[in-house]
Amino acid sequence: MSTHDTQYFKVGQEYDNDARPVLEAVYGALKEKGYNPVNQIVGYIMSGDPTYITSYKNARSLIMKVDRDELVEELLTQYIRTNDWN
């Protein structure tokens, strides 16, 4: 495969994962503790370092149960739906 070929990443149609409720819970916990939830979640997704997420309300344990690619997929899916790109 050359660097000009496009690689494919396939997920199932309407792939259902646990990312949404986890993101909602983690977002709420971060906000309650006074953190910028977007910055902290992005830091976690980019680095994989769970210390970006507070342990308050078990948020750190929750987010670590979901693969980071599933978190990105959920965020992107919701962004696309919100902006009516479909």
PDB file of N, CA and C in Angstrom:
ATOM      1  N   MET A   1       0.843  -1.175   0.000  1.00  0.00           N
ATOM      2  CA  MET A   1       0.000   0.000   0.000  1.00  0.00           C
ATOM      3  C   MET A   1       0.888   1.238   0.000  1.00  0.00           C
ATOM      4  N   SER A   2       0.625   2.120  -0.908  1.00  0.00           N
ATOM      5  CA  SER A   2       1.421   3.345  -0.981  1.00  0.00           C
ATOM      6  C   SER A   2       0.811   4.412  -0.079  1.00  0.00           C
ATOM      7  N   THR A   3       1.543   5.483   0.100  1.00  0.00           N
ATOM      8  CA  THR A   3       1.041   6.570   0.945  1.00  0.00           C
ATOM      9  C   THR A   3      -0.097   7.326   0.277  1.00  0.00           C
ATOM     10  N   HIS A   4      -0.388   7.022  -0.987  1.00  0.00           N
ATOM     11  CA  HIS A   4      -1.476   7.691  -1.695  1.00  0.00           C
ATOM     12  C   HIS A   4      -2.784   6.920  -1.612  1.00  0.00           C
ATOM     13  N   ASP A   5      -2.736   5.685  -1.129  1.00  0.00           N
ATOM     14  CA  ASP A   5      -3.949   4.886  -1.000  1.00  0.00           C
ATOM     15  C   ASP A   5      -4.701   5.268   0.274  1.00  0.00           C
ATOM     16  N   THR A   6      -5.998   5.238   0.192  1.00  0.00           N
ATOM     17  CA  THR A   6      -6.831   5.544   1.349  1.00  0.00           C
ATOM     18  C   THR A   6      -7.117   4.271   2.126  1.00  0.00           C
ATOM     19  N   GLN A   7      -6.899   4.321   3.417  1.00  0.00           N
ATOM     20  CA  GLN A   7      -7.231   3.194   4.269  1.00  0.00           C
ATOM     21  C   GLN A   7      -8.682   3.327   4.712  1.00  0.00           C
ATOM     22  N   TYR A   8      -9.330   2.217   4.939  1.00  0.00           N
ATOM     23  CA  TYR A   8     -10.718   2.222   5.353  1.00  0.00           C
ATOM     24  C   TYR A   8     -10.837   1.802   6.810  1.00  0.00           C
ATOM     25  N   PHE A   9     -11.676   2.498   7.521  1.00  0.00           N
ATOM     26  CA  PHE A   9     -12.028   2.138   8.885  1.00  0.00           C
ATOM     27  C   PHE A   9     -13.524   1.968   8.889  1.00  0.00           C
ATOM     28  N   LYS A  10     -13.984   0.771   9.194  1.00  0.00           N
ATOM     29  CA  LYS A  10     -15.406   0.493   9.110  1.00  0.00           C
ATOM     30  C   LYS A  10     -15.994   0.203  10.475  1.00  0.00           C
ATOM     31  N   VAL A  11     -17.100   0.861  10.749  1.00  0.00           N
ATOM     32  CA  VAL A  11     -17.887   0.553  11.941  1.00  0.00           C
ATOM     33  C   VAL A  11     -19.252   0.120  11.467  1.00  0.00           C
ATOM     34  N   GLY A  12     -19.949  -0.619  12.284  1.00  0.00           N
ATOM     35  CA  GLY A  12     -21.271  -1.090  11.919  1.00  0.00           C
ATOM     36  C   GLY A  12     -22.249   0.059  11.758  1.00  0.00           C
ATOM     37  N   GLN A  13     -23.268  -0.140  10.943  1.00  0.00           N
ATOM     38  CA  GLN A  13     -24.313   0.854  10.778  1.00  0.00           C
ATOM     39  C   GLN A  13     -24.944   1.135  12.136  1.00  0.00           C
ATOM     40  N   GLU A  14     -25.137   2.403  12.445  1.00  0.00           N
ATOM     41  CA  GLU A  14     -25.732   2.803  13.706  1.00  0.00           C
ATOM     42  C   GLU A  14     -25.093   2.050  14.871  1.00  0.00           C
ATOM     43  N   TYR A  15     -23.779   2.000  14.838  1.00  0.00           N
ATOM     44  CA  TYR A  15     -23.013   1.297  15.866  1.00  0.00           C
ATOM     45  C   TYR A  15     -23.422   1.816  17.240  1.00  0.00           C
ATOM     46  N   ASP A  16     -23.837   0.917  18.087  1.00  0.00           N
ATOM     47  CA  ASP A  16     -24.313   1.279  19.411  1.00  0.00           C
ATOM     48  C   ASP A  16     -23.222   0.975  20.429  1.00  0.00           C
ATOM     49  N   ASN A  17     -22.767   1.982  21.132  1.00  0.00           N
ATOM     50  CA  ASN A  17     -21.784   1.752  22.174  1.00  0.00           C
ATOM     51  C   ASN A  17     -22.189   2.518  23.425  1.00  0.00           C
ATOM     52  N   ASP A  18     -21.443   2.326  24.462  1.00  0.00           N
ATOM     53  CA  ASP A  18     -21.757   2.942  25.741  1.00  0.00           C
ATOM     54  C   ASP A  18     -21.127   4.320  25.896  1.00  0.00           C
ATOM     55  N   ALA A  19     -20.615   4.874  24.826  1.00  0.00           N
ATOM     56  CA  ALA A  19     -19.867   6.123  24.920  1.00  0.00           C
ATOM     57  C   ALA A  19     -20.736   7.301  25.341  1.00  0.00           C
ATOM     58  N   ARG A  20     -21.937   7.386  24.823  1.00  0.00           N
ATOM     59  CA  ARG A  20     -22.759   8.574  25.109  1.00  0.00           C
ATOM     60  C   ARG A  20     -23.058   8.751  26.601  1.00  0.00           C
ATOM     61  N   PRO A  21     -23.612   7.739  27.279  1.00  0.00           N
ATOM     62  CA  PRO A  21     -23.872   7.950  28.712  1.00  0.00           C
ATOM     63  C   PRO A  21     -22.595   8.170  29.520  1.00  0.00           C
ATOM     64  N   VAL A  22     -21.517   7.550  29.103  1.00  0.00           N
ATOM     65  CA  VAL A  22     -20.242   7.748  29.797  1.00  0.00           C
ATOM     66  C   VAL A  22     -19.768   9.187  29.604  1.00  0.00           C
ATOM     67  N   LEU A  23     -19.816   9.673  28.374  1.00  0.00           N
ATOM     68  CA  LEU A  23     -19.405  11.058  28.117  1.00  0.00           C
ATOM     69  C   LEU A  23     -20.276  12.040  28.895  1.00  0.00           C
ATOM     70  N   GLU A  24     -21.572  11.778  28.963  1.00  0.00           N
ATOM     71  CA  GLU A  24     -22.472  12.658  29.717  1.00  0.00           C
ATOM     72  C   GLU A  24     -22.097  12.685  31.200  1.00  0.00           C
ATOM     73  N   ALA A  25     -21.842  11.516  31.763  1.00  0.00           N
ATOM     74  CA  ALA A  25     -21.484  11.432  33.177  1.00  0.00           C
ATOM     75  C   ALA A  25     -20.135  12.099  33.456  1.00  0.00           C
ATOM     76  N   VAL A  26     -19.165  11.832  32.606  1.00  0.00           N
ATOM     77  CA  VAL A  26     -17.825  12.401  32.780  1.00  0.00           C
ATOM     78  C   VAL A  26     -17.869  13.913  32.610  1.00  0.00           C
ATOM     79  N   TYR A  27     -18.583  14.377  31.608  1.00  0.00           N
ATOM     80  CA  TYR A  27     -18.727  15.819  31.381  1.00  0.00           C
ATOM     81  C   TYR A  27     -19.310  16.487  32.630  1.00  0.00           C
ATOM     82  N   GLY A  28     -20.369  15.902  33.169  1.00  0.00           N
ATOM     83  CA  GLY A  28     -20.998  16.470  34.362  1.00  0.00           C
ATOM     84  C   GLY A  28     -20.067  16.504  35.555  1.00  0.00           C
ATOM     85  N   ALA A  29     -19.332  15.431  35.771  1.00  0.00           N
ATOM     86  CA  ALA A  29     -18.397  15.368  36.902  1.00  0.00           C
ATOM     87  C   ALA A  29     -17.293  16.409  36.755  1.00  0.00           C
ATOM     88  N   LEU A  30     -16.765  16.548  35.548  1.00  0.00           N
ATOM     89  CA  LEU A  30     -15.707  17.535  35.319  1.00  0.00           C
ATOM     90  C   LEU A  30     -16.228  18.951  35.548  1.00  0.00           C
ATOM     91  N   LYS A  31     -17.416  19.222  35.044  1.00  0.00           N
ATOM     92  CA  LYS A  31     -18.015  20.549  35.196  1.00  0.00           C
ATOM     93  C   LYS A  31     -18.255  20.863  36.675  1.00  0.00           C
ATOM     94  N   GLU A  32     -18.796  19.896  37.411  1.00  0.00           N
ATOM     95  CA  GLU A  32     -19.051  20.087  38.841  1.00  0.00           C
ATOM     96  C   GLU A  32     -17.768  20.401  39.617  1.00  0.00           C
ATOM     97  N   LYS A  33     -16.669  19.805  39.204  1.00  0.00           N
ATOM     98  CA  LYS A  33     -15.396  20.027  39.891  1.00  0.00           C
ATOM     99  C   LYS A  33     -14.686  21.297  39.422  1.00  0.00           C
ATOM    100  N   GLY A  34     -15.283  21.993  38.441  1.00  0.00           N
ATOM    101  CA  GLY A  34     -14.711  23.271  38.001  1.00  0.00           C
ATOM    102  C   GLY A  34     -13.715  23.172  36.858  1.00  0.00           C
ATOM    103  N   TYR A  35     -13.614  22.012  36.240  1.00  0.00           N
ATOM    104  CA  TYR A  35     -12.715  21.841  35.097  1.00  0.00           C
ATOM    105  C   TYR A  35     -13.424  22.239  33.802  1.00  0.00           C
ATOM    106  N   ASN A  36     -12.653  22.491  32.767  1.00  0.00           N
ATOM    107  CA  ASN A  36     -13.216  22.683  31.434  1.00  0.00           C
ATOM    108  C   ASN A  36     -13.371  21.281  30.846  1.00  0.00           C
ATOM    109  N   PRO A  37     -14.601  20.763  30.782  1.00  0.00           N
ATOM    110  CA  PRO A  37     -14.796  19.380  30.350  1.00  0.00           C
ATOM    111  C   PRO A  37     -14.266  19.088  28.955  1.00  0.00           C
ATOM    112  N   VAL A  38     -14.433  20.010  28.034  1.00  0.00           N
ATOM    113  CA  VAL A  38     -13.965  19.779  26.664  1.00  0.00           C
ATOM    114  C   VAL A  38     -12.456  19.605  26.655  1.00  0.00           C
ATOM    115  N   ASN A  39     -11.744  20.509  27.299  1.00  0.00           N
ATOM    116  CA  ASN A  39     -10.276  20.409  27.329  1.00  0.00           C
ATOM    117  C   ASN A  39      -9.813  19.110  27.967  1.00  0.00           C
ATOM    118  N   GLN A  40     -10.443  18.729  29.064  1.00  0.00           N
ATOM    119  CA  GLN A  40     -10.023  17.528  29.779  1.00  0.00           C
ATOM    120  C   GLN A  40     -10.316  16.264  28.978  1.00  0.00           C
ATOM    121  N   ILE A  41     -11.480  16.198  28.352  1.00  0.00           N
ATOM    122  CA  ILE A  41     -11.829  15.017  27.560  1.00  0.00           C
ATOM    123  C   ILE A  41     -10.935  14.921  26.335  1.00  0.00           C
ATOM    124  N   VAL A  42     -10.669  16.040  25.687  1.00  0.00           N
ATOM    125  CA  VAL A  42      -9.750  16.028  24.539  1.00  0.00           C
ATOM    126  C   VAL A  42      -8.365  15.572  24.990  1.00  0.00           C
ATOM    127  N   GLY A  43      -7.894  16.069  26.109  1.00  0.00           N
ATOM    128  CA  GLY A  43      -6.589  15.644  26.624  1.00  0.00           C
ATOM    129  C   GLY A  43      -6.540  14.147  26.834  1.00  0.00           C
ATOM    130  N   TYR A  44      -7.599  13.589  27.393  1.00  0.00           N
ATOM    131  CA  TYR A  44      -7.653  12.144  27.611  1.00  0.00           C
ATOM    132  C   TYR A  44      -7.672  11.386  26.290  1.00  0.00           C
ATOM    133  N   ILE A  45      -8.515  11.819  25.355  1.00  0.00           N
ATOM    134  CA  ILE A  45      -8.617  11.113  24.071  1.00  0.00           C
ATOM    135  C   ILE A  45      -7.292  11.159  23.319  1.00  0.00           C
ATOM    136  N   MET A  46      -6.648  12.297  23.313  1.00  0.00           N
ATOM    137  CA  MET A  46      -5.399  12.445  22.560  1.00  0.00           C
ATOM    138  C   MET A  46      -4.240  11.675  23.197  1.00  0.00           C
ATOM    139  N   SER A  47      -4.179  11.648  24.507  1.00  0.00           N
ATOM    140  CA  SER A  47      -3.015  11.065  25.169  1.00  0.00           C
ATOM    141  C   SER A  47      -3.255   9.671  25.737  1.00  0.00           C
ATOM    142  N   GLY A  48      -4.499   9.379  26.097  1.00  0.00           N
ATOM    143  CA  GLY A  48      -4.788   8.126  26.775  1.00  0.00           C
ATOM    144  C   GLY A  48      -4.469   8.176  28.259  1.00  0.00           C
ATOM    145  N   ASP A  49      -4.058   9.335  28.740  1.00  0.00           N
ATOM    146  CA  ASP A  49      -3.691   9.499  30.145  1.00  0.00           C
ATOM    147  C   ASP A  49      -4.957   9.748  30.970  1.00  0.00           C
ATOM    148  N   PRO A  50      -5.355   8.797  31.805  1.00  0.00           N
ATOM    149  CA  PRO A  50      -6.601   8.947  32.557  1.00  0.00           C
ATOM    150  C   PRO A  50      -6.586  10.051  33.605  1.00  0.00           C
ATOM    151  N   THR A  51      -5.405  10.588  33.923  1.00  0.00           N
ATOM    152  CA  THR A  51      -5.368  11.652  34.930  1.00  0.00           C
ATOM    153  C   THR A  51      -5.979  12.957  34.420  1.00  0.00           C
ATOM    154  N   TYR A  52      -6.304  13.038  33.149  1.00  0.00           N
ATOM    155  CA  TYR A  52      -7.045  14.194  32.636  1.00  0.00           C
ATOM    156  C   TYR A  52      -8.482  14.190  33.156  1.00  0.00           C
ATOM    157  N   ILE A  53      -8.945  13.044  33.620  1.00  0.00           N
ATOM    158  CA  ILE A  53     -10.323  12.887  34.064  1.00  0.00           C
ATOM    159  C   ILE A  53     -10.354  12.749  35.584  1.00  0.00           C
ATOM    160  N   THR A  54     -11.217  13.517  36.209  1.00  0.00           N
ATOM    161  CA  THR A  54     -11.355  13.451  37.664  1.00  0.00           C
ATOM    162  C   THR A  54     -11.880  12.086  38.105  1.00  0.00           C
ATOM    163  N   SER A  55     -11.509  11.719  39.303  1.00  0.00           N
ATOM    164  CA  SER A  55     -12.056  10.476  39.858  1.00  0.00           C
ATOM    165  C   SER A  55     -13.401  10.732  40.551  1.00  0.00           C
ATOM    166  N   TYR A  56     -13.780  12.001  40.647  1.00  0.00           N
ATOM    167  CA  TYR A  56     -15.045  12.387  41.258  1.00  0.00           C
ATOM    168  C   TYR A  56     -16.198  11.688  40.541  1.00  0.00           C
ATOM    169  N   LYS A  57     -17.115  11.144  41.314  1.00  0.00           N
ATOM    170  CA  LYS A  57     -18.282  10.408  40.803  1.00  0.00           C
ATOM    171  C   LYS A  57     -17.881   9.243  39.896  1.00  0.00           C
ATOM    172  N   ASN A  58     -16.700   8.693  40.147  1.00  0.00           N
ATOM    173  CA  ASN A  58     -16.215   7.519  39.408  1.00  0.00           C
ATOM    174  C   ASN A  58     -15.990   7.792  37.912  1.00  0.00           C
ATOM    175  N   ALA A  59     -15.823   9.066  37.542  1.00  0.00           N
ATOM    176  CA  ALA A  59     -15.705   9.446  36.134  1.00  0.00           C
ATOM    177  C   ALA A  59     -14.499   8.800  35.455  1.00  0.00           C
ATOM    178  N   ARG A  60     -13.377   8.746  36.146  1.00  0.00           N
ATOM    179  CA  ARG A  60     -12.172   8.171  35.548  1.00  0.00           C
ATOM    180  C   ARG A  60     -12.368   6.693  35.236  1.00  0.00           C
ATOM    181  N   SER A  61     -12.930   5.966  36.162  1.00  0.00           N
ATOM    182  CA  SER A  61     -13.177   4.534  35.928  1.00  0.00           C
ATOM    183  C   SER A  61     -14.164   4.326  34.790  1.00  0.00           C
ATOM    184  N   LEU A  62     -15.184   5.166  34.733  1.00  0.00           N
ATOM    185  CA  LEU A  62     -16.185   5.050  33.673  1.00  0.00           C
ATOM    186  C   LEU A  62     -15.567   5.241  32.292  1.00  0.00           C
ATOM    187  N   ILE A  63     -14.800   6.310  32.133  1.00  0.00           N
ATOM    188  CA  ILE A  63     -14.281   6.621  30.800  1.00  0.00           C
ATOM    189  C   ILE A  63     -13.255   5.586  30.342  1.00  0.00           C
ATOM    190  N   MET A  64     -12.576   4.975  31.287  1.00  0.00           N
ATOM    191  CA  MET A  64     -11.572   3.974  30.919  1.00  0.00           C
ATOM    192  C   MET A  64     -12.204   2.666  30.444  1.00  0.00           C
ATOM    193  N   LYS A  65     -13.490   2.487  30.667  1.00  0.00           N
ATOM    194  CA  LYS A  65     -14.189   1.281  30.217  1.00  0.00           C
ATOM    195  C   LYS A  65     -14.598   1.362  28.743  1.00  0.00           C
ATOM    196  N   VAL A  66     -14.486   2.551  28.154  1.00  0.00           N
ATOM    197  CA  VAL A  66     -14.864   2.752  26.753  1.00  0.00           C
ATOM    198  C   VAL A  66     -13.592   3.020  25.950  1.00  0.00           C
ATOM    199  N   ASP A  67     -13.435   2.340  24.823  1.00  0.00           N
ATOM    200  CA  ASP A  67     -12.274   2.583  23.968  1.00  0.00           C
ATOM    201  C   ASP A  67     -12.287   4.023  23.481  1.00  0.00           C
ATOM    202  N   ARG A  68     -11.121   4.614  23.398  1.00  0.00           N
ATOM    203  CA  ARG A  68     -11.035   6.011  22.962  1.00  0.00           C
ATOM    204  C   ARG A  68     -11.584   6.205  21.560  1.00  0.00           C
ATOM    205  N   ASP A  69     -11.418   5.217  20.675  1.00  0.00           N
ATOM    206  CA  ASP A  69     -11.964   5.372  19.320  1.00  0.00           C
ATOM    207  C   ASP A  69     -13.493   5.418  19.358  1.00  0.00           C
ATOM    208  N   GLU A  70     -14.122   4.736  20.318  1.00  0.00           N
ATOM    209  CA  GLU A  70     -15.580   4.798  20.458  1.00  0.00           C
ATOM    210  C   GLU A  70     -16.014   6.170  20.963  1.00  0.00           C
ATOM    211  N   LEU A  71     -15.200   6.774  21.812  1.00  0.00           N
ATOM    212  CA  LEU A  71     -15.500   8.132  22.272  1.00  0.00           C
ATOM    213  C   LEU A  71     -15.448   9.111  21.103  1.00  0.00           C
ATOM    214  N   VAL A  72     -14.407   9.000  20.294  1.00  0.00           N
ATOM    215  CA  VAL A  72     -14.269   9.883  19.134  1.00  0.00           C
ATOM    216  C   VAL A  72     -15.437   9.670  18.169  1.00  0.00           C
ATOM    217  N   GLU A  73     -15.781   8.411  17.937  1.00  0.00           N
ATOM    218  CA  GLU A  73     -16.892   8.094  17.036  1.00  0.00           C
ATOM    219  C   GLU A  73     -18.194   8.728  17.526  1.00  0.00           C
ATOM    220  N   GLU A  74     -18.471   8.613  18.806  1.00  0.00           N
ATOM    221  CA  GLU A  74     -19.697   9.191  19.365  1.00  0.00           C
ATOM    222  C   GLU A  74     -19.697  10.708  19.246  1.00  0.00           C
ATOM    223  N   LEU A  75     -18.585  11.332  19.573  1.00  0.00           N
ATOM    224  CA  LEU A  75     -18.494  12.792  19.478  1.00  0.00           C
ATOM    225  C   LEU A  75     -18.681  13.270  18.046  1.00  0.00           C
ATOM    226  N   LEU A  76     -18.027  12.601  17.105  1.00  0.00           N
ATOM    227  CA  LEU A  76     -18.140  12.987  15.703  1.00  0.00           C
ATOM    228  C   LEU A  76     -19.548  12.747  15.176  1.00  0.00           C
ATOM    229  N   THR A  77     -20.145  11.627  15.548  1.00  0.00           N
ATOM    230  CA  THR A  77     -21.513  11.319  15.124  1.00  0.00           C
ATOM    231  C   THR A  77     -22.476  12.395  15.614  1.00  0.00           C
ATOM    232  N   GLN A  78     -22.370  12.773  16.871  1.00  0.00           N
ATOM    233  CA  GLN A  78     -23.260  13.798  17.420  1.00  0.00           C
ATOM    234  C   GLN A  78     -23.016  15.162  16.776  1.00  0.00           C
ATOM    235  N   TYR A  79     -21.766  15.471  16.493  1.00  0.00           N
ATOM    236  CA  TYR A  79     -21.445  16.736  15.831  1.00  0.00           C
ATOM    237  C   TYR A  79     -22.075  16.795  14.441  1.00  0.00           C
ATOM    238  N   ILE A  80     -21.944  15.705  13.703  1.00  0.00           N
ATOM    239  CA  ILE A  80     -22.504  15.646  12.353  1.00  0.00           C
ATOM    240  C   ILE A  80     -24.026  15.768  12.402  1.00  0.00           C
ATOM    241  N   ARG A  81     -24.655  15.049  13.317  1.00  0.00           N
ATOM    242  CA  ARG A  81     -26.122  15.128  13.453  1.00  0.00           C
ATOM    243  C   ARG A  81     -26.564  16.526  13.840  1.00  0.00           C
ATOM    244  N   THR A  82     -25.863  17.129  14.783  1.00  0.00           N
ATOM    245  CA  THR A  82     -26.221  18.476  15.256  1.00  0.00           C
ATOM    246  C   THR A  82     -26.111  19.495  14.127  1.00  0.00           C
ATOM    247  N   ASN A  83     -25.140  19.316  13.268  1.00  0.00           N
ATOM    248  CA  ASN A  83     -24.925  20.262  12.178  1.00  0.00           C
ATOM    249  C   ASN A  83     -25.606  19.859  10.892  1.00  0.00           C
ATOM    250  N   ASP A  84     -26.445  18.825  10.973  1.00  0.00           N
ATOM    251  CA  ASP A  84     -27.266  18.373   9.842  1.00  0.00           C
ATOM    252  C   ASP A  84     -26.450  18.121   8.582  1.00  0.00           C
ATOM    253  N   TRP A  85     -25.360  17.380   8.731  1.00  0.00           N
ATOM    254  CA  TRP A  85     -24.521  17.035   7.574  1.00  0.00           C
ATOM    255  C   TRP A  85     -25.017  15.803   6.839  1.00  0.00           C
ATOM    256  N   ASN A  86     -25.973  15.069   7.418  1.00  0.00           N
ATOM    257  CA  ASN A  86     -26.442  13.834   6.776  1.00  0.00           C
ATOM    258  C   ASN A  86     -27.293  14.164   5.578  1.00  0.00           C
TER     259      ASN A  86
END
